[in-house]
Amino acid sequence: MTIEEQVSKGIMAAMKAKDTVRLEVLRNIKKVFIEAKSVAGAPDQIADSESVKIIQKLAKQGRESAEIYKSQGREDLYSHEMAQVEVLNEFLPKQLSEEELRTALKAIIEKVGATSAKEMGKVMGVASKELAGVADGKAISAIVKELLS
C-alpha cells in the first residue's frame, strides 16, 4: 500500500475516531499530494520516495513553527504543533541514530576516498543520495565536517 493510500485510509479512521489533530494533519498531507499531482507534467500517482520528501518538508515546517511558538511562550500552540509533527513522523522511515549515521558516513568517506575538508562536497553528494529519507541533511553535514577535519 502506498503512502498516499495510507493517508486516505487514515483520514477515514480519524474521522470515525473523531481525532481532530490527526484528521487535520492527514487532510493537509492529502492537499499537498493533490497540489503536487496537479503540476503540469506530473504523474497521476506520487511515488513513495516523493511522498516521503513532501512529508519530511511538512514535518520540518512544523518543528520550526513549534520552536517559534516555544520561544514566544505559546505553550498551547507549541504542543498542538508538536502533536501534528508526531502524526507526520508516523509516515516517515525510521531515522538513523547518530552512531549508525556516523558509521555509514565513515564507510562513504572511505568509498569516496576523501581525506580533507576540501573534499566535503564529494562526500555530501554521495551521502545525500544514499541516506535520503533516513537522516537529516544538517546532521549529515555536521558529522562529515567533523570526520574530515
N, C-alpha and C. Protein backbone atom coordinates (compact mmCIF):
# COMPACT_ATOMS: atom_id res chain seq x y z
N MET A 1 0.84 -1.17 0.00
CA MET A 1 0.00 0.00 0.00
C MET A 1 0.90 1.24 0.00
N THR A 2 0.61 2.17 -0.91
CA THR A 2 1.42 3.39 -0.99
C THR A 2 1.11 4.32 0.17
N ILE A 3 1.99 5.28 0.37
CA ILE A 3 1.78 6.26 1.44
C ILE A 3 0.50 7.04 1.17
N GLU A 4 0.26 7.35 -0.09
CA GLU A 4 -0.94 8.10 -0.45
C GLU A 4 -2.21 7.33 -0.04
N GLU A 5 -2.20 6.02 -0.27
CA GLU A 5 -3.34 5.18 0.13
C GLU A 5 -3.46 5.11 1.65
N GLN A 6 -2.31 5.04 2.33
CA GLN A 6 -2.32 5.00 3.80
C GLN A 6 -2.93 6.28 4.37
N VAL A 7 -2.62 7.41 3.74
CA VAL A 7 -3.15 8.69 4.19
C VAL A 7 -4.67 8.72 4.01
N SER A 8 -5.15 8.24 2.85
CA SER A 8 -6.59 8.22 2.60
C SER A 8 -7.32 7.33 3.61
N LYS A 9 -6.76 6.17 3.88
CA LYS A 9 -7.38 5.28 4.88
C LYS A 9 -7.30 5.90 6.28
N GLY A 10 -6.21 6.57 6.55
CA GLY A 10 -6.03 7.23 7.84
C GLY A 10 -7.06 8.33 8.06
N ILE A 11 -7.42 9.04 6.99
CA ILE A 11 -8.43 10.09 7.08
C ILE A 11 -9.76 9.48 7.52
N MET A 12 -10.12 8.36 6.90
CA MET A 12 -11.38 7.70 7.26
C MET A 12 -11.35 7.25 8.73
N ALA A 13 -10.24 6.66 9.15
CA ALA A 13 -10.12 6.17 10.52
C ALA A 13 -10.18 7.33 11.52
N ALA A 14 -9.52 8.44 11.19
CA ALA A 14 -9.50 9.60 12.08
C ALA A 14 -10.89 10.22 12.18
N MET A 15 -11.63 10.21 11.08
CA MET A 15 -13.00 10.73 11.11
C MET A 15 -13.87 9.87 12.03
N LYS A 16 -13.73 8.56 11.91
CA LYS A 16 -14.52 7.65 12.74
C LYS A 16 -14.15 7.79 14.22
N ALA A 17 -12.85 7.99 14.48
CA ALA A 17 -12.38 8.11 15.86
C ALA A 17 -12.54 9.52 16.42
N LYS A 18 -12.97 10.46 15.57
CA LYS A 18 -13.11 11.87 15.95
C LYS A 18 -11.80 12.45 16.49
N ASP A 19 -10.70 12.03 15.87
CA ASP A 19 -9.36 12.51 16.23
C ASP A 19 -9.05 13.74 15.37
N THR A 20 -9.33 14.92 15.90
CA THR A 20 -9.25 16.14 15.10
C THR A 20 -7.82 16.50 14.69
N VAL A 21 -6.86 16.31 15.58
CA VAL A 21 -5.47 16.65 15.25
C VAL A 21 -4.98 15.77 14.10
N ARG A 22 -5.20 14.47 14.23
CA ARG A 22 -4.77 13.52 13.20
C ARG A 22 -5.48 13.81 11.88
N LEU A 23 -6.77 14.09 11.94
CA LEU A 23 -7.56 14.38 10.74
C LEU A 23 -7.03 15.63 10.04
N GLU A 24 -6.74 16.66 10.82
CA GLU A 24 -6.21 17.91 10.26
C GLU A 24 -4.89 17.66 9.52
N VAL A 25 -3.99 16.90 10.14
CA VAL A 25 -2.69 16.61 9.54
C VAL A 25 -2.84 15.79 8.27
N LEU A 26 -3.65 14.75 8.33
CA LEU A 26 -3.82 13.87 7.17
C LEU A 26 -4.47 14.61 6.00
N ARG A 27 -5.43 15.46 6.30
CA ARG A 27 -6.05 16.26 5.23
C ARG A 27 -5.04 17.21 4.61
N ASN A 28 -4.16 17.76 5.43
CA ASN A 28 -3.12 18.65 4.92
C ASN A 28 -2.16 17.88 4.00
N ILE A 29 -1.79 16.67 4.41
CA ILE A 29 -0.90 15.84 3.58
C ILE A 29 -1.59 15.57 2.24
N LYS A 30 -2.85 15.17 2.29
CA LYS A 30 -3.58 14.86 1.06
C LYS A 30 -3.66 16.09 0.16
N LYS A 31 -3.88 17.26 0.75
CA LYS A 31 -3.95 18.51 -0.03
C LYS A 31 -2.62 18.75 -0.76
N VAL A 32 -1.52 18.56 -0.05
CA VAL A 32 -0.21 18.78 -0.67
C VAL A 32 0.04 17.75 -1.77
N PHE A 33 -0.39 16.50 -1.56
CA PHE A 33 -0.26 15.47 -2.59
C PHE A 33 -1.05 15.88 -3.84
N ILE A 34 -2.26 16.35 -3.66
CA ILE A 34 -3.10 16.76 -4.79
C ILE A 34 -2.45 17.92 -5.53
N GLU A 35 -1.89 18.88 -4.78
CA GLU A 35 -1.20 20.01 -5.40
C GLU A 35 0.00 19.52 -6.20
N ALA A 36 0.74 18.54 -5.67
CA ALA A 36 1.91 18.00 -6.38
C ALA A 36 1.50 17.29 -7.66
N LYS A 37 0.35 16.62 -7.64
CA LYS A 37 -0.12 15.91 -8.84
C LYS A 37 -0.69 16.85 -9.88
N SER A 38 -1.14 18.05 -9.46
CA SER A 38 -1.77 18.98 -10.40
C SER A 38 -0.75 19.81 -11.19
N VAL A 39 0.51 19.71 -10.83
CA VAL A 39 1.56 20.41 -11.57
C VAL A 39 1.65 19.82 -12.97
N ALA A 40 1.82 20.69 -13.96
CA ALA A 40 1.88 20.23 -15.35
C ALA A 40 2.99 19.20 -15.53
N GLY A 41 2.66 18.09 -16.15
CA GLY A 41 3.63 17.04 -16.43
C GLY A 41 3.85 16.08 -15.28
N ALA A 42 3.13 16.26 -14.18
CA ALA A 42 3.30 15.37 -13.02
C ALA A 42 2.54 14.07 -13.26
N PRO A 43 3.06 12.96 -12.72
CA PRO A 43 2.37 11.67 -12.89
C PRO A 43 1.07 11.63 -12.08
N ASP A 44 0.18 10.72 -12.45
CA ASP A 44 -1.10 10.58 -11.73
C ASP A 44 -0.90 10.05 -10.32
N GLN A 45 0.14 9.25 -10.13
CA GLN A 45 0.42 8.64 -8.83
C GLN A 45 1.74 9.20 -8.30
N ILE A 46 1.78 9.52 -7.04
CA ILE A 46 3.02 10.03 -6.43
C ILE A 46 3.81 8.83 -5.90
N ALA A 47 5.09 8.77 -6.27
CA ALA A 47 5.95 7.69 -5.79
C ALA A 47 6.17 7.86 -4.29
N ASP A 48 6.40 6.74 -3.61
CA ASP A 48 6.61 6.80 -2.16
C ASP A 48 7.81 7.67 -1.80
N SER A 49 8.85 7.65 -2.64
CA SER A 49 10.04 8.47 -2.34
C SER A 49 9.67 9.96 -2.37
N GLU A 50 8.82 10.34 -3.30
CA GLU A 50 8.37 11.73 -3.38
C GLU A 50 7.45 12.06 -2.20
N SER A 51 6.62 11.11 -1.83
CA SER A 51 5.72 11.29 -0.67
C SER A 51 6.53 11.53 0.59
N VAL A 52 7.61 10.77 0.76
CA VAL A 52 8.46 10.93 1.95
C VAL A 52 9.07 12.33 1.97
N LYS A 53 9.52 12.82 0.80
CA LYS A 53 10.10 14.16 0.74
C LYS A 53 9.08 15.21 1.14
N ILE A 54 7.85 15.05 0.64
CA ILE A 54 6.79 16.00 0.96
C ILE A 54 6.50 16.00 2.45
N ILE A 55 6.39 14.81 3.04
CA ILE A 55 6.07 14.71 4.46
C ILE A 55 7.23 15.21 5.32
N GLN A 56 8.46 14.96 4.88
CA GLN A 56 9.63 15.50 5.61
C GLN A 56 9.59 17.02 5.63
N LYS A 57 9.23 17.60 4.50
CA LYS A 57 9.15 19.06 4.41
C LYS A 57 8.09 19.59 5.36
N LEU A 58 6.91 18.94 5.39
CA LEU A 58 5.85 19.36 6.30
C LEU A 58 6.28 19.22 7.76
N ALA A 59 6.98 18.13 8.09
CA ALA A 59 7.44 17.91 9.46
C ALA A 59 8.46 18.97 9.86
N LYS A 60 9.35 19.30 8.95
CA LYS A 60 10.36 20.32 9.23
C LYS A 60 9.69 21.67 9.48
N GLN A 61 8.71 22.02 8.65
CA GLN A 61 7.98 23.27 8.84
C GLN A 61 7.28 23.28 10.20
N GLY A 62 6.71 22.13 10.57
CA GLY A 62 6.02 22.02 11.86
C GLY A 62 6.97 22.21 13.03
N ARG A 63 8.15 21.57 12.95
CA ARG A 63 9.13 21.71 14.03
C ARG A 63 9.60 23.16 14.15
N GLU A 64 9.82 23.82 12.99
CA GLU A 64 10.27 25.22 13.02
C GLU A 64 9.19 26.11 13.64
N SER A 65 7.93 25.87 13.26
CA SER A 65 6.83 26.65 13.83
C SER A 65 6.74 26.42 15.34
N ALA A 66 6.90 25.18 15.75
CA ALA A 66 6.82 24.84 17.17
C ALA A 66 7.91 25.57 17.96
N GLU A 67 9.11 25.63 17.40
CA GLU A 67 10.20 26.33 18.09
C GLU A 67 9.90 27.82 18.23
N ILE A 68 9.30 28.40 17.20
CA ILE A 68 8.93 29.82 17.26
C ILE A 68 7.88 30.02 18.36
N TYR A 69 6.89 29.14 18.38
CA TYR A 69 5.85 29.24 19.42
C TYR A 69 6.45 29.12 20.81
N LYS A 70 7.39 28.18 20.96
CA LYS A 70 8.00 27.96 22.27
C LYS A 70 8.79 29.19 22.71
N SER A 71 9.55 29.78 21.76
CA SER A 71 10.36 30.95 22.10
C SER A 71 9.50 32.15 22.46
N GLN A 72 8.26 32.19 21.96
CA GLN A 72 7.35 33.29 22.27
C GLN A 72 6.44 32.97 23.45
N GLY A 73 6.67 31.81 24.09
CA GLY A 73 5.92 31.46 25.28
C GLY A 73 4.50 30.98 25.01
N ARG A 74 4.24 30.47 23.82
CA ARG A 74 2.90 29.99 23.48
C ARG A 74 2.88 28.46 23.57
N GLU A 75 2.82 27.96 24.80
CA GLU A 75 2.85 26.51 25.05
C GLU A 75 1.69 25.78 24.38
N ASP A 76 0.52 26.40 24.33
CA ASP A 76 -0.65 25.76 23.72
C ASP A 76 -0.41 25.48 22.24
N LEU A 77 0.09 26.48 21.52
CA LEU A 77 0.37 26.31 20.10
C LEU A 77 1.57 25.38 19.88
N TYR A 78 2.55 25.46 20.78
CA TYR A 78 3.71 24.58 20.68
C TYR A 78 3.29 23.12 20.78
N SER A 79 2.48 22.80 21.78
CA SER A 79 2.07 21.40 21.97
C SER A 79 1.19 20.92 20.81
N HIS A 80 0.33 21.80 20.29
CA HIS A 80 -0.51 21.43 19.14
C HIS A 80 0.36 21.13 17.92
N GLU A 81 1.34 21.98 17.67
CA GLU A 81 2.22 21.79 16.51
C GLU A 81 3.05 20.52 16.66
N MET A 82 3.55 20.24 17.85
CA MET A 82 4.34 19.02 18.07
C MET A 82 3.48 17.77 17.93
N ALA A 83 2.21 17.85 18.31
CA ALA A 83 1.30 16.72 18.12
C ALA A 83 1.12 16.44 16.62
N GLN A 84 1.06 17.50 15.84
CA GLN A 84 0.94 17.33 14.38
C GLN A 84 2.22 16.71 13.81
N VAL A 85 3.37 17.14 14.30
CA VAL A 85 4.64 16.59 13.83
C VAL A 85 4.72 15.10 14.15
N GLU A 86 4.22 14.69 15.31
CA GLU A 86 4.21 13.26 15.69
C GLU A 86 3.41 12.44 14.68
N VAL A 87 2.28 12.97 14.23
CA VAL A 87 1.46 12.26 13.24
C VAL A 87 2.24 12.16 11.93
N LEU A 88 2.90 13.24 11.53
CA LEU A 88 3.70 13.22 10.29
C LEU A 88 4.82 12.19 10.38
N ASN A 89 5.46 12.09 11.54
CA ASN A 89 6.58 11.16 11.72
C ASN A 89 6.17 9.71 11.54
N GLU A 90 4.89 9.40 11.73
CA GLU A 90 4.42 8.02 11.54
C GLU A 90 4.57 7.56 10.09
N PHE A 91 4.58 8.50 9.16
CA PHE A 91 4.67 8.17 7.74
C PHE A 91 6.10 8.23 7.20
N LEU A 92 7.04 8.59 8.05
CA LEU A 92 8.44 8.70 7.63
C LEU A 92 9.22 7.46 8.02
N PRO A 93 10.23 7.10 7.22
CA PRO A 93 11.06 5.96 7.60
C PRO A 93 11.82 6.27 8.89
N LYS A 94 12.18 5.21 9.62
CA LYS A 94 12.91 5.38 10.88
C LYS A 94 14.23 6.09 10.59
N GLN A 95 14.51 7.11 11.38
CA GLN A 95 15.75 7.87 11.22
C GLN A 95 16.91 7.11 11.86
N LEU A 96 18.10 7.24 11.27
CA LEU A 96 19.28 6.59 11.83
C LEU A 96 19.69 7.30 13.12
N SER A 97 20.22 6.54 14.06
CA SER A 97 20.76 7.14 15.27
C SER A 97 22.08 7.82 14.89
N GLU A 98 22.60 8.64 15.77
CA GLU A 98 23.85 9.34 15.46
C GLU A 98 24.99 8.35 15.25
N GLU A 99 25.01 7.29 16.03
CA GLU A 99 26.06 6.28 15.91
C GLU A 99 25.96 5.55 14.56
N GLU A 100 24.75 5.17 14.17
CA GLU A 100 24.55 4.49 12.88
C GLU A 100 24.91 5.42 11.73
N LEU A 101 24.53 6.69 11.86
CA LEU A 101 24.85 7.68 10.83
C LEU A 101 26.35 7.87 10.71
N ARG A 102 27.02 7.96 11.84
CA ARG A 102 28.48 8.13 11.85
C ARG A 102 29.16 6.95 11.16
N THR A 103 28.70 5.72 11.44
CA THR A 103 29.27 4.52 10.82
C THR A 103 29.05 4.54 9.31
N ALA A 104 27.84 4.89 8.89
CA ALA A 104 27.53 4.95 7.45
C ALA A 104 28.38 6.01 6.76
N LEU A 105 28.56 7.15 7.41
CA LEU A 105 29.35 8.22 6.81
C LEU A 105 30.84 7.86 6.72
N LYS A 106 31.35 7.14 7.72
CA LYS A 106 32.75 6.70 7.65
C LYS A 106 32.94 5.79 6.43
N ALA A 107 31.98 4.90 6.20
CA ALA A 107 32.06 3.99 5.05
C ALA A 107 32.00 4.78 3.74
N ILE A 108 31.15 5.79 3.68
CA ILE A 108 31.03 6.61 2.46
C ILE A 108 32.32 7.39 2.23
N ILE A 109 32.92 7.92 3.30
CA ILE A 109 34.19 8.66 3.16
C ILE A 109 35.28 7.74 2.63
N GLU A 110 35.32 6.51 3.15
CA GLU A 110 36.31 5.53 2.65
C GLU A 110 36.07 5.21 1.19
N LYS A 111 34.80 5.00 0.83
CA LYS A 111 34.45 4.65 -0.55
C LYS A 111 34.83 5.76 -1.52
N VAL A 112 34.59 7.02 -1.12
CA VAL A 112 34.90 8.17 -1.97
C VAL A 112 36.40 8.44 -1.97
N GLY A 113 37.06 8.10 -0.87
CA GLY A 113 38.49 8.33 -0.76
C GLY A 113 38.83 9.73 -0.31
N ALA A 114 37.92 10.38 0.37
CA ALA A 114 38.14 11.75 0.83
C ALA A 114 39.07 11.74 2.05
N THR A 115 39.97 12.73 2.08
CA THR A 115 40.91 12.81 3.20
C THR A 115 40.92 14.19 3.85
N SER A 116 40.36 15.20 3.18
CA SER A 116 40.40 16.55 3.76
C SER A 116 39.03 17.22 3.64
N ALA A 117 38.90 18.32 4.34
CA ALA A 117 37.64 19.07 4.34
C ALA A 117 37.33 19.64 2.96
N LYS A 118 38.37 19.75 2.11
CA LYS A 118 38.17 20.27 0.75
C LYS A 118 37.31 19.32 -0.09
N GLU A 119 37.28 18.07 0.29
CA GLU A 119 36.53 17.07 -0.47
C GLU A 119 35.15 16.80 0.13
N MET A 120 34.70 17.70 0.98
CA MET A 120 33.41 17.53 1.63
C MET A 120 32.27 17.47 0.62
N GLY A 121 32.37 18.23 -0.45
CA GLY A 121 31.33 18.25 -1.48
C GLY A 121 31.10 16.88 -2.10
N LYS A 122 32.18 16.17 -2.40
CA LYS A 122 32.08 14.82 -2.97
C LYS A 122 31.35 13.90 -2.00
N VAL A 123 31.76 13.95 -0.75
CA VAL A 123 31.17 13.08 0.28
C VAL A 123 29.70 13.42 0.47
N MET A 124 29.38 14.69 0.54
CA MET A 124 27.99 15.12 0.74
C MET A 124 27.10 14.68 -0.41
N GLY A 125 27.62 14.73 -1.64
CA GLY A 125 26.84 14.30 -2.80
C GLY A 125 26.44 12.84 -2.69
N VAL A 126 27.39 11.99 -2.36
CA VAL A 126 27.12 10.56 -2.23
C VAL A 126 26.24 10.30 -1.00
N ALA A 127 26.58 10.93 0.11
CA ALA A 127 25.84 10.71 1.36
C ALA A 127 24.39 11.16 1.24
N SER A 128 24.15 12.28 0.59
CA SER A 128 22.79 12.77 0.44
C SER A 128 21.93 11.79 -0.34
N LYS A 129 22.52 11.18 -1.37
CA LYS A 129 21.76 10.21 -2.18
C LYS A 129 21.52 8.92 -1.39
N GLU A 130 22.56 8.41 -0.76
CA GLU A 130 22.45 7.12 -0.06
C GLU A 130 21.62 7.19 1.20
N LEU A 131 21.64 8.32 1.87
CA LEU A 131 20.97 8.43 3.17
C LEU A 131 19.69 9.27 3.10
N ALA A 132 19.19 9.51 1.88
CA ALA A 132 17.98 10.30 1.72
C ALA A 132 16.82 9.64 2.45
N GLY A 133 16.13 10.42 3.25
CA GLY A 133 14.96 9.92 3.96
C GLY A 133 15.25 9.31 5.31
N VAL A 134 16.49 8.88 5.55
CA VAL A 134 16.79 8.23 6.83
C VAL A 134 17.70 9.08 7.72
N ALA A 135 18.13 10.23 7.20
CA ALA A 135 18.97 11.12 8.01
C ALA A 135 18.76 12.56 7.55
N ASP A 136 18.85 13.47 8.50
CA ASP A 136 18.68 14.90 8.24
C ASP A 136 19.95 15.46 7.59
N GLY A 137 19.78 16.33 6.61
CA GLY A 137 20.91 16.91 5.90
C GLY A 137 21.86 17.68 6.81
N LYS A 138 21.31 18.39 7.80
CA LYS A 138 22.16 19.14 8.73
C LYS A 138 23.02 18.21 9.56
N ALA A 139 22.43 17.10 9.99
CA ALA A 139 23.19 16.13 10.79
C ALA A 139 24.29 15.49 9.95
N ILE A 140 23.97 15.15 8.70
CA ILE A 140 24.97 14.57 7.80
C ILE A 140 26.12 15.55 7.64
N SER A 141 25.80 16.80 7.33
CA SER A 141 26.82 17.82 7.11
C SER A 141 27.72 18.01 8.32
N ALA A 142 27.13 18.09 9.49
CA ALA A 142 27.91 18.31 10.72
C ALA A 142 28.87 17.15 10.98
N ILE A 143 28.39 15.93 10.80
CA ILE A 143 29.24 14.77 11.08
C ILE A 143 30.33 14.64 10.02
N VAL A 144 30.00 14.89 8.74
CA VAL A 144 31.02 14.82 7.69
C VAL A 144 32.11 15.86 7.95
N LYS A 145 31.70 17.06 8.32
CA LYS A 145 32.67 18.13 8.62
C LYS A 145 33.59 17.70 9.76
N GLU A 146 33.00 17.10 10.79
CA GLU A 146 33.78 16.65 11.94
C GLU A 146 34.74 15.53 11.55
N LEU A 147 34.27 14.57 10.75
CA LEU A 147 35.11 13.43 10.37
C LEU A 147 36.25 13.83 9.42
N LEU A 148 36.02 14.84 8.60
CA LEU A 148 37.05 15.24 7.64
C LEU A 148 38.04 16.26 8.20
N SER A 149 37.74 16.83 9.36
CA SER A 149 38.67 17.83 9.91
C SER A 149 39.64 17.20 10.89
